[in-house]
Amino acid sequence: MTAIQEHSATAKVWDQQSVWSRSADQLKKSVEGARTASLALGIAAAVLGTAAAQTMGWSPTVGTVLAFAAACAAGAVPVVAQRGGPGRLNDWTRLRAVSEALKAEVYTCLAGVGPYRATADTGALLAERSRAYRGDGGDLVRYTAEVTAKVRPLPPVTDIDSYVEHRLRRQIDSYYRPKARWMTRRLRVVGWIEAVLGGVGAVLAAAAGAFSIGWLAGWVAVAASVSVAVIAHAVAQRYAYQQLEFMRTAEELERLLERWEADDVRTPERAEALVAECEHVISIQNEAWMIRWTVG
């Protein structure tokens, strides 16, 4: 196989990786959207139900409309939640697993290590291995059938040094550390919401008791219900766990980078070990948080 043919074969697998990655992103967005919609509908049902009970006395028409809206919101929750159910979560994790396996394979091929170190026909070997990965997810083609690859060049990796620069460093600086900071911000927002709702509930309860305002008691329960729903949503999204995993993985990759930079004897065998360890750390992180997404 000529250099042009090898480049074409590698680019084809890189495009296939893009298709699987975008398919996984779309499915994950759908799952997250379903969970967020379920949260909003649950909150709406609680608010509208309380409002209906308290307005029924002075305006039966308004109360009835609010009660109907509350019932609709409550009834829609399980319907919407199905789009974020275990089956779709399992499909998403498998799509992402194939995508990440293809990405690791392309980087390993471009770096010229692993099975690609001992063969002259790297393009053919990469195509063969990519077919095996895609074959494992053959039943998922319904998600990839209408997805096109994002136009992008191959990673500028040609050896171990460029691998370190464009794979190892980039994963640390452009993915894992920013993701950890993002999850930290989300956890902070959830904490603020919990504190605000807790404060509102306490004030309402105090006012209801001190001033004998009976209708406020119903809103105390609403504040508590919304707080519980928001916390449950954060738990389901695994914000705390993902933050920990992103930070841990960044530290692991930093350790590999520091060890490589301090190594004065950079043999092909050590270069191969570095790539293998780096891809292993990334794959373990991916597997860990995807599994946590699919279990309670």
Protein backbone atom coordinates (compact mmCIF):
# COMPACT_ATOMS: atom_id res chain seq x y z
CA MET A 1 0.00 0.00 0.00
CA THR A 2 1.40 3.38 -1.00
CA ALA A 3 1.69 6.37 1.37
CA ILE A 4 -1.32 8.00 -0.32
CA GLN A 5 -3.38 4.83 0.08
CA GLU A 6 -2.38 4.53 3.73
CA HIS A 7 -3.34 8.15 4.36
CA SER A 8 -6.68 7.56 2.66
CA ALA A 9 -7.34 4.42 4.71
CA THR A 10 -6.49 6.22 7.94
CA ALA A 11 -8.65 9.21 7.00
CA LYS A 12 -11.56 6.86 6.31
CA VAL A 13 -11.35 5.36 9.80
CA TRP A 14 -11.02 8.88 11.24
CA ASP A 15 -14.26 9.80 9.46
CA GLN A 16 -15.93 6.67 10.80
CA GLN A 17 -14.86 7.69 14.30
CA SER A 18 -16.49 11.06 13.74
CA VAL A 19 -19.77 9.43 12.74
CA TRP A 20 -19.84 7.25 15.86
CA SER A 21 -18.82 10.16 18.07
CA ARG A 22 -21.50 12.47 16.70
CA SER A 23 -24.10 9.73 16.98
CA ALA A 24 -23.15 9.21 20.62
CA ASP A 25 -23.32 12.96 21.26
CA GLN A 26 -26.78 13.19 19.72
CA LEU A 27 -28.09 10.28 21.77
CA LYS A 28 -26.56 11.64 24.98
CA LYS A 29 -28.13 15.04 24.29
CA SER A 30 -31.48 13.33 23.85
CA VAL A 31 -31.10 11.44 27.13
CA GLU A 32 -30.05 14.55 29.04
CA GLY A 33 -32.89 16.53 27.47
CA ALA A 34 -35.38 13.89 28.57
CA ARG A 35 -34.06 14.01 32.13
CA THR A 36 -34.16 17.80 32.23
CA ALA A 37 -37.68 17.85 30.80
CA SER A 38 -38.79 15.28 33.39
CA LEU A 39 -37.36 17.48 36.14
CA ALA A 40 -39.16 20.56 34.79
CA LEU A 41 -42.46 18.70 34.42
CA GLY A 42 -42.21 17.31 37.94
CA ILE A 43 -41.60 20.78 39.36
CA ALA A 44 -44.43 22.21 37.27
CA ALA A 45 -46.81 19.50 38.52
CA ALA A 46 -45.99 20.30 42.15
CA VAL A 47 -46.34 24.06 41.69
CA LEU A 48 -49.52 23.87 39.62
CA GLY A 49 -51.12 21.31 41.92
CA THR A 50 -50.57 23.50 44.98
CA ALA A 51 -51.73 26.59 43.13
CA ALA A 52 -54.87 24.75 41.97
CA ALA A 53 -55.77 23.69 45.51
CA GLN A 54 -55.38 27.23 46.81
CA THR A 55 -57.30 28.99 44.01
CA MET A 56 -60.19 26.57 43.77
CA GLY A 57 -62.07 28.32 46.58
CA TRP A 58 -62.20 31.81 45.05
CA SER A 59 -62.17 30.82 41.38
CA PRO A 60 -63.24 27.28 40.49
CA THR A 61 -62.51 27.91 36.82
CA VAL A 62 -58.91 28.97 37.42
CA GLY A 63 -58.46 26.19 39.94
CA THR A 64 -59.77 23.60 37.51
CA VAL A 65 -57.49 24.84 34.72
CA LEU A 66 -54.48 24.70 37.04
CA ALA A 67 -55.44 21.23 38.28
CA PHE A 68 -55.76 20.03 34.68
CA ALA A 69 -52.35 21.48 33.81
CA ALA A 70 -50.84 19.83 36.90
CA ALA A 71 -52.31 16.47 35.91
CA CYS A 72 -50.99 16.84 32.36
CA ALA A 73 -47.52 17.69 33.63
CA ALA A 74 -47.50 14.76 36.03
CA GLY A 75 -48.79 12.39 33.37
CA ALA A 76 -46.15 13.49 30.89
CA VAL A 77 -43.25 12.74 33.25
CA PRO A 78 -43.07 8.95 32.67
CA VAL A 79 -43.63 9.40 28.92
CA VAL A 80 -40.77 11.87 28.58
CA ALA A 81 -38.56 9.90 30.98
CA GLN A 82 -38.64 6.89 28.65
CA ARG A 83 -36.32 8.75 26.26
CA GLY A 84 -33.72 8.73 29.00
CA GLY A 85 -34.35 5.16 30.10
CA PRO A 86 -31.86 2.28 30.56
CA GLY A 87 -32.15 1.05 26.97
CA ARG A 88 -31.12 4.34 25.40
CA LEU A 89 -28.42 4.83 28.03
CA ASN A 90 -26.99 1.44 27.16
CA ASP A 91 -27.02 2.31 23.45
CA TRP A 92 -25.25 5.60 24.17
CA THR A 93 -22.49 3.94 26.18
CA ARG A 94 -21.88 1.42 23.40
CA LEU A 95 -21.79 4.13 20.73
CA ARG A 96 -19.28 6.07 22.81
CA ALA A 97 -17.22 2.95 23.46
CA VAL A 98 -16.87 2.24 19.73
CA SER A 99 -16.05 5.90 19.06
CA GLU A 100 -13.31 5.99 21.70
CA ALA A 101 -11.88 2.66 20.55
CA LEU A 102 -11.61 3.95 16.98
CA LYS A 103 -9.98 7.18 18.18
CA ALA A 104 -7.40 5.29 20.24
CA GLU A 105 -6.68 3.04 17.28
CA VAL A 106 -6.09 5.98 14.92
CA TYR A 107 -3.71 7.69 17.33
CA THR A 108 -1.83 4.45 17.93
CA CYS A 109 -1.54 3.93 14.18
CA LEU A 110 -0.32 7.47 13.50
CA ALA A 111 2.24 7.20 16.28
CA GLY A 112 3.53 3.98 14.72
CA VAL A 113 3.45 1.90 17.88
CA GLY A 114 1.71 -1.23 19.07
CA PRO A 115 0.69 -3.60 16.26
CA TYR A 116 1.52 -0.89 13.70
CA ARG A 117 5.19 -0.87 14.61
CA ALA A 118 5.86 -4.27 13.08
CA THR A 119 3.87 -3.96 9.86
CA ALA A 120 4.43 -2.02 6.66
CA ASP A 121 0.75 -2.09 5.69
CA THR A 122 -0.62 0.04 8.54
CA GLY A 123 -3.63 1.24 6.56
CA ALA A 124 -4.90 -2.29 5.95
CA LEU A 125 -4.34 -3.27 9.58
CA LEU A 126 -6.15 -0.18 10.83
CA ALA A 127 -9.09 -0.86 8.52
CA GLU A 128 -9.27 -4.47 9.72
CA ARG A 129 -9.22 -3.53 13.39
CA SER A 130 -11.76 -0.76 12.90
CA ARG A 131 -14.14 -3.19 11.22
CA ALA A 132 -13.94 -5.40 14.29
CA TYR A 133 -14.85 -2.52 16.61
CA ARG A 134 -17.73 -1.42 14.41
CA GLY A 135 -18.90 -5.01 14.10
CA ASP A 136 -19.33 -5.16 17.87
CA GLY A 137 -21.84 -2.34 17.57
CA GLY A 138 -23.57 -3.57 14.44
CA ASP A 139 -27.03 -3.28 15.99
CA LEU A 140 -26.45 0.44 16.61
CA VAL A 141 -26.33 1.45 12.95
CA ARG A 142 -29.83 2.88 13.30
CA TYR A 143 -28.19 5.77 15.14
CA THR A 144 -25.32 6.23 12.70
CA ALA A 145 -27.15 5.68 9.41
CA GLU A 146 -28.05 9.33 8.77
CA VAL A 147 -25.09 10.95 10.53
CA THR A 148 -22.29 12.43 8.44
CA ALA A 149 -18.69 12.79 9.47
CA LYS A 150 -17.44 16.17 10.59
CA VAL A 151 -14.92 17.57 8.11
CA ARG A 152 -11.60 17.64 9.93
CA PRO A 153 -7.99 16.77 9.16
CA LEU A 154 -6.19 13.82 10.62
CA PRO A 155 -4.43 14.56 13.91
CA PRO A 156 -0.92 15.89 13.18
CA VAL A 157 0.70 12.86 14.78
CA THR A 158 3.61 11.16 13.05
CA ASP A 159 5.76 9.91 15.94
CA ILE A 160 5.92 9.74 19.71
CA ASP A 161 6.81 13.42 20.18
CA SER A 162 3.83 14.64 18.17
CA TYR A 163 1.66 12.08 19.99
CA VAL A 164 2.69 13.56 23.32
CA GLU A 165 1.96 17.08 22.06
CA HIS A 166 -1.33 16.48 20.25
CA ARG A 167 -2.84 13.61 22.21
CA LEU A 168 -1.42 13.47 25.73
CA ARG A 169 -1.05 17.19 26.44
CA ARG A 170 -4.26 18.09 24.65
CA GLN A 171 -6.27 15.59 26.66
CA ILE A 172 -4.96 17.13 29.87
CA ASP A 173 -5.18 20.83 28.97
CA SER A 174 -8.13 20.93 26.59
CA TYR A 175 -10.40 18.19 27.87
CA TYR A 176 -9.99 16.71 31.35
CA ARG A 177 -9.08 19.81 33.34
CA PRO A 178 -11.73 22.03 31.65
CA LYS A 179 -14.32 19.28 32.13
CA ALA A 180 -13.44 19.01 35.82
CA ARG A 181 -13.88 22.79 36.24
CA TRP A 182 -17.20 22.62 34.39
CA MET A 183 -18.50 19.88 36.68
CA THR A 184 -17.33 21.90 39.69
CA ARG A 185 -19.44 24.84 38.52
CA ARG A 186 -22.46 22.60 38.03
CA LEU A 187 -22.09 21.20 41.53
CA ARG A 188 -21.81 24.74 42.88
CA VAL A 189 -25.05 25.76 41.13
CA VAL A 190 -26.85 22.72 42.54
CA GLY A 191 -25.56 23.63 46.00
CA TRP A 192 -26.84 27.19 45.63
CA ILE A 193 -30.26 25.98 44.50
CA GLU A 194 -30.45 23.60 47.44
CA ALA A 195 -29.49 26.37 49.88
CA VAL A 196 -31.94 28.89 48.40
CA LEU A 197 -34.84 26.46 48.38
CA GLY A 198 -34.00 25.36 51.91
CA GLY A 199 -34.00 28.98 53.04
CA VAL A 200 -37.26 29.73 51.26
CA GLY A 201 -38.87 26.68 52.83
CA ALA A 202 -37.69 27.69 56.29
CA VAL A 203 -39.00 31.25 55.89
CA LEU A 204 -42.36 30.03 54.61
CA ALA A 205 -42.68 27.54 57.46
CA ALA A 206 -41.80 30.21 60.03
CA ALA A 207 -44.25 32.69 58.51
CA ALA A 208 -47.02 30.10 58.35
CA GLY A 209 -46.55 29.22 62.01
CA ALA A 210 -45.92 32.70 63.41
CA PHE A 211 -48.67 34.50 61.52
CA SER A 212 -51.11 31.59 61.17
CA ILE A 213 -51.10 31.82 57.38
CA GLY A 214 -52.38 28.41 56.43
CA TRP A 215 -51.90 28.64 52.68
CA LEU A 216 -48.14 29.09 53.09
CA ALA A 217 -47.82 25.56 54.48
CA GLY A 218 -48.57 24.11 51.05
CA TRP A 219 -45.70 26.02 49.51
CA VAL A 220 -43.29 24.70 52.15
CA ALA A 221 -43.94 21.24 50.76
CA VAL A 222 -43.44 22.53 47.21
CA ALA A 223 -40.06 24.05 48.10
CA ALA A 224 -38.99 20.78 49.71
CA SER A 225 -40.18 18.75 46.71
CA VAL A 226 -38.34 20.96 44.22
CA SER A 227 -35.15 20.78 46.29
CA VAL A 228 -35.34 16.98 46.40
CA ALA A 229 -36.01 16.84 42.64
CA VAL A 230 -33.02 19.05 41.82
CA ILE A 231 -30.69 17.02 44.03
CA ALA A 232 -31.98 13.77 42.53
CA HIS A 233 -31.35 15.16 39.06
CA ALA A 234 -27.76 16.07 40.01
CA VAL A 235 -27.23 12.58 41.42
CA ALA A 236 -28.64 11.00 38.23
CA GLN A 237 -26.30 13.13 36.11
CA ARG A 238 -23.33 12.00 38.23
CA TYR A 239 -21.89 15.51 38.51
CA ALA A 240 -19.79 14.74 41.59
CA TYR A 241 -18.53 11.42 40.24
CA GLN A 242 -17.65 12.88 36.84
CA GLN A 243 -15.79 15.76 38.48
CA LEU A 244 -13.73 13.27 40.48
CA GLU A 245 -13.04 11.09 37.44
CA PHE A 246 -11.98 14.00 35.24
CA MET A 247 -9.60 15.26 37.92
CA ARG A 248 -8.21 11.81 38.61
CA THR A 249 -7.61 11.10 34.92
CA ALA A 250 -5.90 14.45 34.41
CA GLU A 251 -3.57 13.63 37.29
CA GLU A 252 -2.81 10.19 35.87
CA LEU A 253 -1.98 11.62 32.45
CA GLU A 254 0.16 14.33 34.08
CA ARG A 255 2.09 11.60 35.83
CA LEU A 256 2.72 9.79 32.55
CA LEU A 257 3.80 13.03 30.89
CA GLU A 258 6.22 13.94 33.69
CA ARG A 259 7.70 10.46 33.66
CA TRP A 260 8.23 10.63 29.90
CA GLU A 261 9.81 14.08 30.03
CA ALA A 262 12.21 12.93 32.76
CA ASP A 263 13.20 9.82 30.80
CA ASP A 264 16.63 10.23 29.19
CA VAL A 265 16.43 6.92 27.32
CA ARG A 266 13.44 7.12 24.99
CA THR A 267 13.57 3.78 23.26
CA PRO A 268 10.86 2.56 20.85
CA GLU A 269 9.77 0.10 23.52
CA ARG A 270 9.28 2.89 26.07
CA ALA A 271 7.46 4.99 23.52
CA GLU A 272 5.13 2.09 22.85
CA ALA A 273 4.56 1.63 26.58
CA LEU A 274 3.73 5.32 26.98
CA VAL A 275 1.08 5.23 24.26
CA ALA A 276 -0.39 2.01 25.64
CA GLU A 277 -0.58 3.44 29.16
CA CYS A 278 -2.04 6.73 27.99
CA GLU A 279 -4.78 5.07 25.95
CA HIS A 280 -5.44 2.67 28.81
CA VAL A 281 -5.94 5.52 31.30
CA ILE A 282 -8.31 7.28 28.90
CA SER A 283 -10.27 4.11 28.19
CA ILE A 284 -10.58 3.27 31.89
CA GLN A 285 -11.94 6.75 32.60
CA ASN A 286 -14.45 6.49 29.77
CA GLU A 287 -15.61 3.07 30.88
CA ALA A 288 -15.87 4.11 34.53
CA TRP A 289 -18.11 7.15 34.11
CA MET A 290 -20.20 5.53 31.38
CA ILE A 291 -20.90 2.59 33.70
CA ARG A 292 -21.82 4.98 36.50
CA TRP A 293 -24.29 6.68 34.14
CA THR A 294 -26.12 3.41 33.60
CA VAL A 295 -26.33 2.15 37.20
CA GLY A 296 -28.10 3.52 40.21
